[in-house]
Amino acid sequence: MTVDVQSHIEIERPRGEVAAFAGDPANATAWYENIESVEWRTEPPLAVGSQVAFIARFLGRRLTYTYGVTELVPGERLVMSTTDGPCPMETAYAWTDTADGYTRMTLRNRGEPSGFSRVAAPVMARAIGRANRKDLLRLKLLLEAATGEAPAARVRTA
């Protein structure tokens, strides 16, 4: 069974600012609750072919994995994938302008679990969805803090 989770949020900041912050692996520990550390395996800045290692905690387990950047359109799209672990995963970010000039960010995780992880795929998908919603809200709160406005929580999972 394939895991495919897509979440969206509207962030009241310009697209370029949201994309620059969210798309920089150095900022991942600021807005991803489960990511403990990030280490560049190639030299920054981020580009197609860049390799970035992450250490995270998910479903009570410590995970170490390296993402390779497979697609990068600055300010619009970032796609990273890993073949590490029991569930090779692709993570994609997309940023679009909203009608009011802010940003709609989409976070998508897709993977094809193997072994025991394949049996646990439905549970994994729900857990990824919950984590993504929390992380996107954390990102929104962080980026909108400078505006002094109380942000509305508009996180949706497809």
Protein backbone atom coordinates (compact mmCIF):
# COMPACT_ATOMS: atom_id res chain seq x y z
CA MET A 1 0.00 0.00 0.00
CA THR A 2 1.29 3.42 -0.96
CA VAL A 3 1.47 6.21 1.61
CA ASP A 4 0.40 9.52 0.04
CA VAL A 5 -0.37 12.42 2.37
CA GLN A 6 -0.90 15.99 1.22
CA SER A 7 -1.48 18.96 3.55
CA HIS A 8 -1.99 22.67 2.85
CA ILE A 9 -1.86 25.88 4.83
CA GLU A 10 -2.23 29.56 4.05
CA ILE A 11 0.52 31.72 5.51
CA GLU A 12 0.10 35.46 5.67
CA ARG A 13 3.56 36.21 4.31
CA PRO A 14 4.84 36.70 0.74
CA ARG A 15 5.54 33.51 -1.23
CA GLY A 16 9.23 34.27 -1.67
CA GLU A 17 9.71 34.64 2.06
CA VAL A 18 7.83 31.44 2.92
CA ALA A 19 9.63 29.43 0.23
CA ALA A 20 13.06 30.75 1.21
CA PHE A 21 12.54 29.83 4.86
CA ALA A 22 10.70 26.51 4.49
CA GLY A 23 12.91 25.35 1.62
CA ASP A 24 16.16 25.91 3.54
CA PRO A 25 17.13 22.66 5.30
CA ALA A 26 18.97 24.69 7.96
CA ASN A 27 15.55 25.87 9.19
CA ALA A 28 13.95 22.42 9.41
CA THR A 29 14.50 22.04 13.17
CA ALA A 30 12.67 25.35 13.75
CA TRP A 31 9.38 24.19 12.25
CA TYR A 32 9.45 20.38 12.05
CA GLU A 33 8.71 19.11 15.54
CA ASN A 34 10.23 15.66 14.93
CA ILE A 35 13.46 16.71 13.23
CA GLU A 36 16.30 16.81 15.72
CA SER A 37 19.20 17.71 13.44
CA VAL A 38 20.20 18.42 9.85
CA GLU A 39 23.60 17.94 8.23
CA TRP A 40 24.62 18.90 4.71
CA ARG A 41 26.28 16.02 2.84
CA THR A 42 27.04 18.33 -0.10
CA GLU A 43 27.96 22.01 -0.04
CA PRO A 44 25.11 24.55 0.23
CA PRO A 45 23.23 26.23 -1.33
CA LEU A 46 20.40 23.85 -2.13
CA ALA A 47 20.36 22.67 -5.76
CA VAL A 48 19.27 19.62 -7.73
CA GLY A 49 21.61 16.85 -6.59
CA SER A 50 22.16 18.30 -3.09
CA GLN A 51 22.25 15.72 -0.29
CA VAL A 52 20.99 16.55 3.21
CA ALA A 53 20.94 14.14 6.19
CA PHE A 54 18.21 14.33 8.83
CA ILE A 55 17.83 12.75 12.25
CA ALA A 56 14.21 12.58 13.39
CA ARG A 57 11.90 10.87 15.85
CA PHE A 58 8.71 9.39 14.41
CA LEU A 59 6.26 6.93 15.97
CA GLY A 60 8.66 6.45 18.88
CA ARG A 61 11.62 5.55 16.67
CA ARG A 62 14.82 7.41 15.87
CA LEU A 63 15.26 7.70 12.11
CA THR A 64 18.32 8.72 10.16
CA TYR A 65 17.89 9.35 6.45
CA THR A 66 19.45 11.34 3.63
CA TYR A 67 17.33 13.24 1.14
CA GLY A 68 18.51 14.03 -2.36
CA VAL A 69 17.03 17.06 -4.10
CA THR A 70 15.41 15.91 -7.35
CA GLU A 71 13.59 19.10 -8.36
CA LEU A 72 14.01 22.74 -7.40
CA VAL A 73 12.18 25.74 -8.82
CA PRO A 74 13.05 28.57 -6.40
CA GLY A 75 9.96 30.10 -4.84
CA GLU A 76 7.66 27.50 -6.41
CA ARG A 77 8.61 23.87 -5.81
CA LEU A 78 11.10 21.65 -3.98
CA VAL A 79 11.13 17.84 -4.26
CA MET A 80 13.43 15.62 -2.22
CA SER A 81 13.56 11.84 -2.00
CA THR A 82 15.28 9.16 0.00
CA THR A 83 15.74 5.45 -0.48
CA ASP A 84 16.87 4.97 3.15
CA GLY A 85 14.94 2.88 5.64
CA PRO A 86 11.87 0.67 5.45
CA CYS A 87 9.81 3.31 3.62
CA PRO A 88 11.54 5.18 0.79
CA MET A 89 9.88 8.60 0.79
CA GLU A 90 9.46 11.60 -1.46
CA THR A 91 8.73 14.95 0.18
CA ALA A 92 7.50 17.82 -1.98
CA TYR A 93 6.86 21.45 -1.11
CA ALA A 94 4.86 23.74 -3.38
CA TRP A 95 4.23 27.44 -2.86
CA THR A 96 1.57 29.44 -4.67
CA ASP A 97 0.14 32.92 -4.24
CA THR A 98 -3.27 33.32 -2.65
CA ALA A 99 -5.84 35.83 -3.95
CA ASP A 100 -4.93 38.19 -1.10
CA GLY A 101 -1.21 38.12 -1.90
CA TYR A 102 -0.09 35.64 0.72
CA THR A 103 1.11 32.06 0.35
CA ARG A 104 -0.52 28.66 0.11
CA MET A 105 2.03 26.00 1.01
CA THR A 106 1.46 22.36 0.13
CA LEU A 107 3.47 19.62 1.82
CA ARG A 108 3.23 16.15 0.31
CA ASN A 109 4.81 12.90 1.48
CA ARG A 110 4.66 9.82 -0.73
CA GLY A 111 6.28 6.47 -0.22
CA GLU A 112 6.05 2.76 -0.86
CA PRO A 113 6.63 0.89 2.41
CA SER A 114 8.22 -2.54 2.37
CA GLY A 115 8.29 -5.40 4.86
CA PHE A 116 6.41 -4.81 8.12
CA SER A 117 6.07 -1.11 7.26
CA ARG A 118 3.77 -2.13 4.39
CA VAL A 119 1.29 -3.59 6.90
CA ALA A 120 1.50 -0.45 9.02
CA ALA A 121 1.02 1.92 6.04
CA PRO A 122 -2.48 3.14 7.04
CA VAL A 123 -1.29 3.96 10.56
CA MET A 124 1.83 5.59 9.14
CA ALA A 125 -0.24 7.73 6.75
CA ARG A 126 -2.45 9.00 9.58
CA ALA A 127 0.59 9.77 11.74
CA ILE A 128 2.29 11.61 8.86
CA GLY A 129 -0.89 13.63 8.28
CA ARG A 130 -1.09 14.64 11.97
CA ALA A 131 2.60 15.54 12.03
CA ASN A 132 2.36 17.54 8.79
CA ARG A 133 -0.62 19.54 10.08
CA LYS A 134 1.24 20.36 13.30
CA ASP A 135 4.43 21.26 11.44
CA LEU A 136 2.66 23.52 8.94
CA LEU A 137 0.86 25.30 11.76
CA ARG A 138 4.18 25.72 13.56
CA LEU A 139 5.68 27.18 10.36
CA LYS A 140 2.72 29.56 10.00
CA LEU A 141 2.99 30.76 13.60
CA LEU A 142 6.73 31.24 13.26
CA LEU A 143 6.56 33.22 10.01
CA GLU A 144 3.54 35.30 10.97
CA ALA A 145 4.90 36.19 14.42
CA ALA A 146 6.62 39.28 12.97
CA THR A 147 3.29 40.69 11.74
CA GLY A 148 1.79 40.88 15.23
CA GLU A 149 -1.48 39.35 13.99
CA ALA A 150 -3.08 36.29 15.52
CA PRO A 151 -2.98 33.74 12.68
CA ALA A 152 -6.00 31.61 11.93
CA ALA A 153 -5.33 27.88 11.82
CA ARG A 154 -6.24 26.76 8.30
CA VAL A 155 -4.42 23.49 7.82
CA ARG A 156 -6.07 20.96 5.53
CA THR A 157 -5.06 17.43 4.60
CA ALA A 158 -6.17 15.89 1.32
